[in-house]
């Protein structure tokens, strides 16, 4: 937790002198630590931030991408409007800290992009965030199965039949495209394993 707080301090410090900046970061970490989370938790946040570090040189504004990572699942209830509420939280909190309006807008835009993970070609910030968020698809097969089980537990309020149908639609939509990842680095490192994992899960569904 303290490692993440230090990362937050380093990230936010160039953009605000507001004394409540650390409090905002700790509140974000509290949200990521909510007990109902099984996959979209601190481990996921760390994973996305680590993947962004690998791809950061490709972004036009790495700070915007990292801030969007902190906020992209800040609200997570397994509801269709989670991303929208996360984006609004980013807008409210970053504005209150005095962060520049153009940076706030870019962070919120990137958070909303994670609904579909379909950045426009050449949208380098969105490509980096999308690839970093999807990097967990490329873990080893056993870790992938554990992640899938964790995601299922977050949707305990959904029947098995409805979950299988919805999850299959999501996976099919990802596999039908020519590529999962938008940056060349991510495609080279993660695409084959990610596709194998998704195909295996779809077969089980």
Protein backbone atom coordinates (compact mmCIF):
# COMPACT_ATOMS: atom_id res chain seq x y z
CA UNK A 1 0.00 0.00 0.00
CA UNK A 2 2.75 2.46 0.90
CA UNK A 3 4.50 1.71 -2.38
CA UNK A 4 1.35 2.79 -4.20
CA UNK A 5 1.02 5.91 -2.05
CA UNK A 6 4.56 6.88 -3.00
CA UNK A 7 3.70 6.31 -6.65
CA UNK A 8 0.61 8.50 -6.27
CA UNK A 9 2.60 11.29 -4.63
CA UNK A 10 5.16 11.27 -7.43
CA UNK A 11 2.44 11.26 -10.06
CA UNK A 12 0.20 13.99 -8.67
CA UNK A 13 2.85 16.35 -7.23
CA UNK A 14 3.71 18.10 -10.54
CA UNK A 15 0.03 18.89 -11.10
CA UNK A 16 -1.19 20.22 -7.76
CA UNK A 17 0.00 21.80 -4.53
CA UNK A 18 -3.29 21.06 -2.75
CA UNK A 19 -2.67 19.64 0.74
CA UNK A 20 -5.48 17.10 0.29
CA UNK A 21 -3.77 15.38 -2.63
CA UNK A 22 -2.48 12.50 -0.54
CA UNK A 23 -5.89 12.06 1.06
CA UNK A 24 -7.39 11.67 -2.41
CA UNK A 25 -4.83 9.00 -3.24
CA UNK A 26 -5.50 7.10 -0.02
CA UNK A 27 -9.25 7.25 -0.70
CA UNK A 28 -8.64 5.80 -4.15
CA UNK A 29 -6.66 2.94 -2.63
CA UNK A 30 -9.48 2.36 -0.14
CA UNK A 31 -11.87 2.00 -3.07
CA UNK A 32 -9.54 -0.43 -4.83
CA UNK A 33 -9.43 -2.43 -1.56
CA UNK A 34 -13.20 -2.84 -1.14
CA UNK A 35 -14.05 -6.33 0.14
CA UNK A 36 -16.35 -7.27 -2.75
CA UNK A 37 -13.50 -6.93 -5.26
CA UNK A 38 -11.81 -10.16 -6.29
CA UNK A 39 -10.13 -9.18 -9.57
CA UNK A 40 -10.50 -5.41 -9.92
CA UNK A 41 -8.40 -4.81 -6.84
CA UNK A 42 -4.97 -3.51 -5.84
CA UNK A 43 -3.25 -6.35 -7.67
CA UNK A 44 -4.98 -5.28 -10.88
CA UNK A 45 -4.08 -1.63 -10.30
CA UNK A 46 -0.42 -2.53 -9.78
CA UNK A 47 -0.49 -4.69 -12.88
CA UNK A 48 -1.91 -1.92 -15.06
CA UNK A 49 0.60 0.61 -13.73
CA UNK A 50 3.47 -1.83 -14.35
CA UNK A 51 2.29 -2.41 -17.92
CA UNK A 52 2.04 1.34 -18.47
CA UNK A 53 5.66 1.65 -17.38
CA UNK A 54 6.57 -0.77 -20.17
CA UNK A 55 4.62 1.24 -22.76
CA UNK A 56 4.95 4.78 -21.41
CA UNK A 57 7.35 5.98 -24.09
CA UNK A 58 4.58 5.45 -26.65
CA UNK A 59 2.11 7.78 -24.90
CA UNK A 60 1.87 11.48 -25.65
CA UNK A 61 1.05 12.19 -21.98
CA UNK A 62 2.14 9.36 -19.67
CA UNK A 63 0.85 11.20 -16.59
CA UNK A 64 -2.65 11.34 -18.08
CA UNK A 65 -2.48 7.63 -18.79
CA UNK A 66 -1.28 6.81 -15.27
CA UNK A 67 -3.94 9.00 -13.66
CA UNK A 68 -6.56 7.30 -15.81
CA UNK A 69 -5.26 3.94 -14.61
CA UNK A 70 -5.74 5.02 -11.01
CA UNK A 71 -9.32 6.04 -11.76
CA UNK A 72 -10.46 3.54 -14.39
CA UNK A 73 -11.99 1.13 -11.87
CA UNK A 74 -12.21 3.54 -8.94
CA UNK A 75 -15.94 2.79 -8.90
CA UNK A 76 -16.58 -0.92 -9.35
CA UNK A 77 -19.91 -2.49 -8.50
CA UNK A 78 -20.29 -4.78 -11.51
CA UNK A 79 -22.73 -2.27 -13.01
CA UNK A 80 -22.91 -0.96 -16.59
CA UNK A 81 -22.15 2.60 -15.48
CA UNK A 82 -19.04 1.82 -13.40
CA UNK A 83 -16.70 3.45 -15.93
CA UNK A 84 -18.87 6.53 -16.27
CA UNK A 85 -19.02 6.98 -12.50
CA UNK A 86 -15.26 6.45 -12.32
CA UNK A 87 -14.73 9.14 -14.96
CA UNK A 88 -16.97 11.54 -13.07
CA UNK A 89 -15.08 10.84 -9.87
CA UNK A 90 -11.85 11.70 -11.67
CA UNK A 91 -13.34 14.94 -12.96
CA UNK A 92 -14.62 15.94 -9.53
CA UNK A 93 -11.55 15.04 -7.49
CA UNK A 94 -8.86 16.25 -9.87
CA UNK A 95 -10.68 19.52 -10.47
CA UNK A 96 -10.94 20.03 -6.71
CA UNK A 97 -7.17 19.54 -6.49
CA UNK A 98 -6.64 22.30 -9.03
CA UNK A 99 -5.31 20.01 -11.76
CA UNK A 100 -5.28 21.68 -15.17
CA UNK A 101 -8.61 21.39 -16.95
CA UNK A 102 -7.13 19.88 -20.11
CA UNK A 103 -5.43 17.13 -18.11
CA UNK A 104 -8.63 16.42 -16.18
CA UNK A 105 -10.55 16.13 -19.44
CA UNK A 106 -7.98 13.77 -20.92
CA UNK A 107 -8.01 11.54 -17.84
CA UNK A 108 -11.81 11.32 -17.91
CA UNK A 109 -11.80 10.61 -21.65
CA UNK A 110 -9.34 7.76 -21.17
CA UNK A 111 -11.37 6.25 -18.34
CA UNK A 112 -14.46 6.27 -20.56
CA UNK A 113 -12.46 4.60 -23.33
CA UNK A 114 -12.10 1.50 -21.13
CA UNK A 115 -15.79 0.71 -21.65
CA UNK A 116 -15.05 -0.63 -25.14
CA UNK A 117 -11.23 -0.73 -25.30
CA UNK A 118 -11.47 0.50 -28.88
CA UNK A 119 -9.11 3.48 -29.22
CA UNK A 120 -8.93 5.25 -32.54
CA UNK A 121 -5.80 4.56 -34.58
CA UNK A 122 -3.09 6.98 -33.53
CA UNK A 123 -4.76 7.81 -30.18
CA UNK A 124 -1.55 6.97 -28.41
CA UNK A 125 -2.66 7.66 -24.83
CA UNK A 126 -5.74 5.49 -25.27
CA UNK A 127 -3.76 2.76 -27.00
CA UNK A 128 -1.33 2.57 -24.09
CA UNK A 129 -4.06 2.49 -21.44
CA UNK A 130 -6.12 -0.06 -23.33
CA UNK A 131 -3.14 -2.36 -23.82
CA UNK A 132 -2.05 -1.99 -20.19
CA UNK A 133 -5.54 -2.79 -18.92
CA UNK A 134 -5.74 -5.88 -21.13
CA UNK A 135 -2.21 -7.09 -20.34
CA UNK A 136 -3.61 -9.41 -17.67
CA UNK A 137 -5.16 -11.48 -20.47
CA UNK A 138 -1.64 -12.66 -21.27
CA UNK A 139 -0.70 -14.22 -17.92
CA UNK A 140 -0.02 -17.94 -17.70
CA UNK A 141 -2.94 -20.30 -18.17
CA UNK A 142 -3.34 -21.16 -14.48
CA UNK A 143 -3.21 -17.52 -13.39
CA UNK A 144 -5.71 -16.70 -16.13
CA UNK A 145 -8.13 -19.34 -14.80
CA UNK A 146 -7.80 -17.87 -11.30
CA UNK A 147 -8.49 -14.40 -12.66
CA UNK A 148 -11.56 -15.67 -14.52
CA UNK A 149 -12.86 -17.26 -11.32
CA UNK A 150 -12.26 -13.98 -9.46
CA UNK A 151 -14.20 -12.05 -12.10
CA UNK A 152 -17.06 -14.54 -11.81
CA UNK A 153 -17.17 -14.01 -8.04
CA UNK A 154 -17.55 -10.27 -8.57
CA UNK A 155 -20.72 -11.05 -10.49
CA UNK A 156 -22.22 -13.34 -7.87
CA UNK A 157 -25.47 -11.42 -8.24
CA UNK A 158 -25.77 -12.66 -11.85
CA UNK A 159 -27.06 -16.15 -12.65
CA UNK A 160 -24.66 -18.70 -14.15
CA UNK A 161 -26.60 -18.76 -17.41
CA UNK A 162 -26.64 -14.98 -17.77
CA UNK A 163 -22.99 -14.68 -16.82
CA UNK A 164 -21.86 -17.34 -19.29
CA UNK A 165 -23.83 -15.71 -22.09
CA UNK A 166 -22.52 -12.24 -21.30
CA UNK A 167 -18.94 -13.36 -20.83
CA UNK A 168 -19.03 -15.32 -24.08
CA UNK A 169 -20.24 -12.23 -25.95
CA UNK A 170 -17.39 -10.18 -24.51
CA UNK A 171 -14.76 -12.77 -25.43
CA UNK A 172 -16.17 -13.31 -28.92
CA UNK A 173 -16.11 -9.56 -29.53
CA UNK A 174 -12.45 -9.42 -28.53
CA UNK A 175 -11.45 -12.43 -30.63
CA UNK A 176 -13.27 -11.38 -33.79
CA UNK A 177 -11.02 -8.37 -34.32
CA UNK A 178 -7.64 -8.60 -36.03
CA UNK A 179 -5.81 -7.79 -32.81
CA UNK A 180 -6.39 -7.38 -29.08
CA UNK A 181 -3.53 -4.97 -28.53
CA UNK A 182 -2.91 -1.72 -30.37
CA UNK A 183 0.76 -1.03 -29.78
CA UNK A 184 3.41 -3.09 -31.54
CA UNK A 185 5.22 -3.79 -28.27
CA UNK A 186 2.08 -5.18 -26.63
CA UNK A 187 1.16 -7.25 -29.68
CA UNK A 188 4.58 -8.81 -29.76
CA UNK A 189 4.71 -9.53 -26.02
CA UNK A 190 1.14 -10.39 -25.13
CA UNK A 191 -1.09 -11.17 -28.12
CA UNK A 192 -0.42 -14.92 -28.61
CA UNK A 193 -0.87 -15.87 -24.95
CA UNK A 194 -3.90 -13.60 -24.54
CA UNK A 195 -5.65 -15.15 -27.54
CA UNK A 196 -4.90 -18.66 -26.31
CA UNK A 197 -6.33 -17.84 -22.88
CA UNK A 198 -9.48 -16.27 -24.31
CA UNK A 199 -10.07 -19.17 -26.68
CA UNK A 200 -9.68 -21.66 -23.84
CA UNK A 201 -12.15 -19.77 -21.65
CA UNK A 202 -14.65 -19.48 -24.48
CA UNK A 203 -14.47 -23.23 -25.08
CA UNK A 204 -15.22 -23.85 -21.39
CA UNK A 205 -18.16 -21.45 -21.43
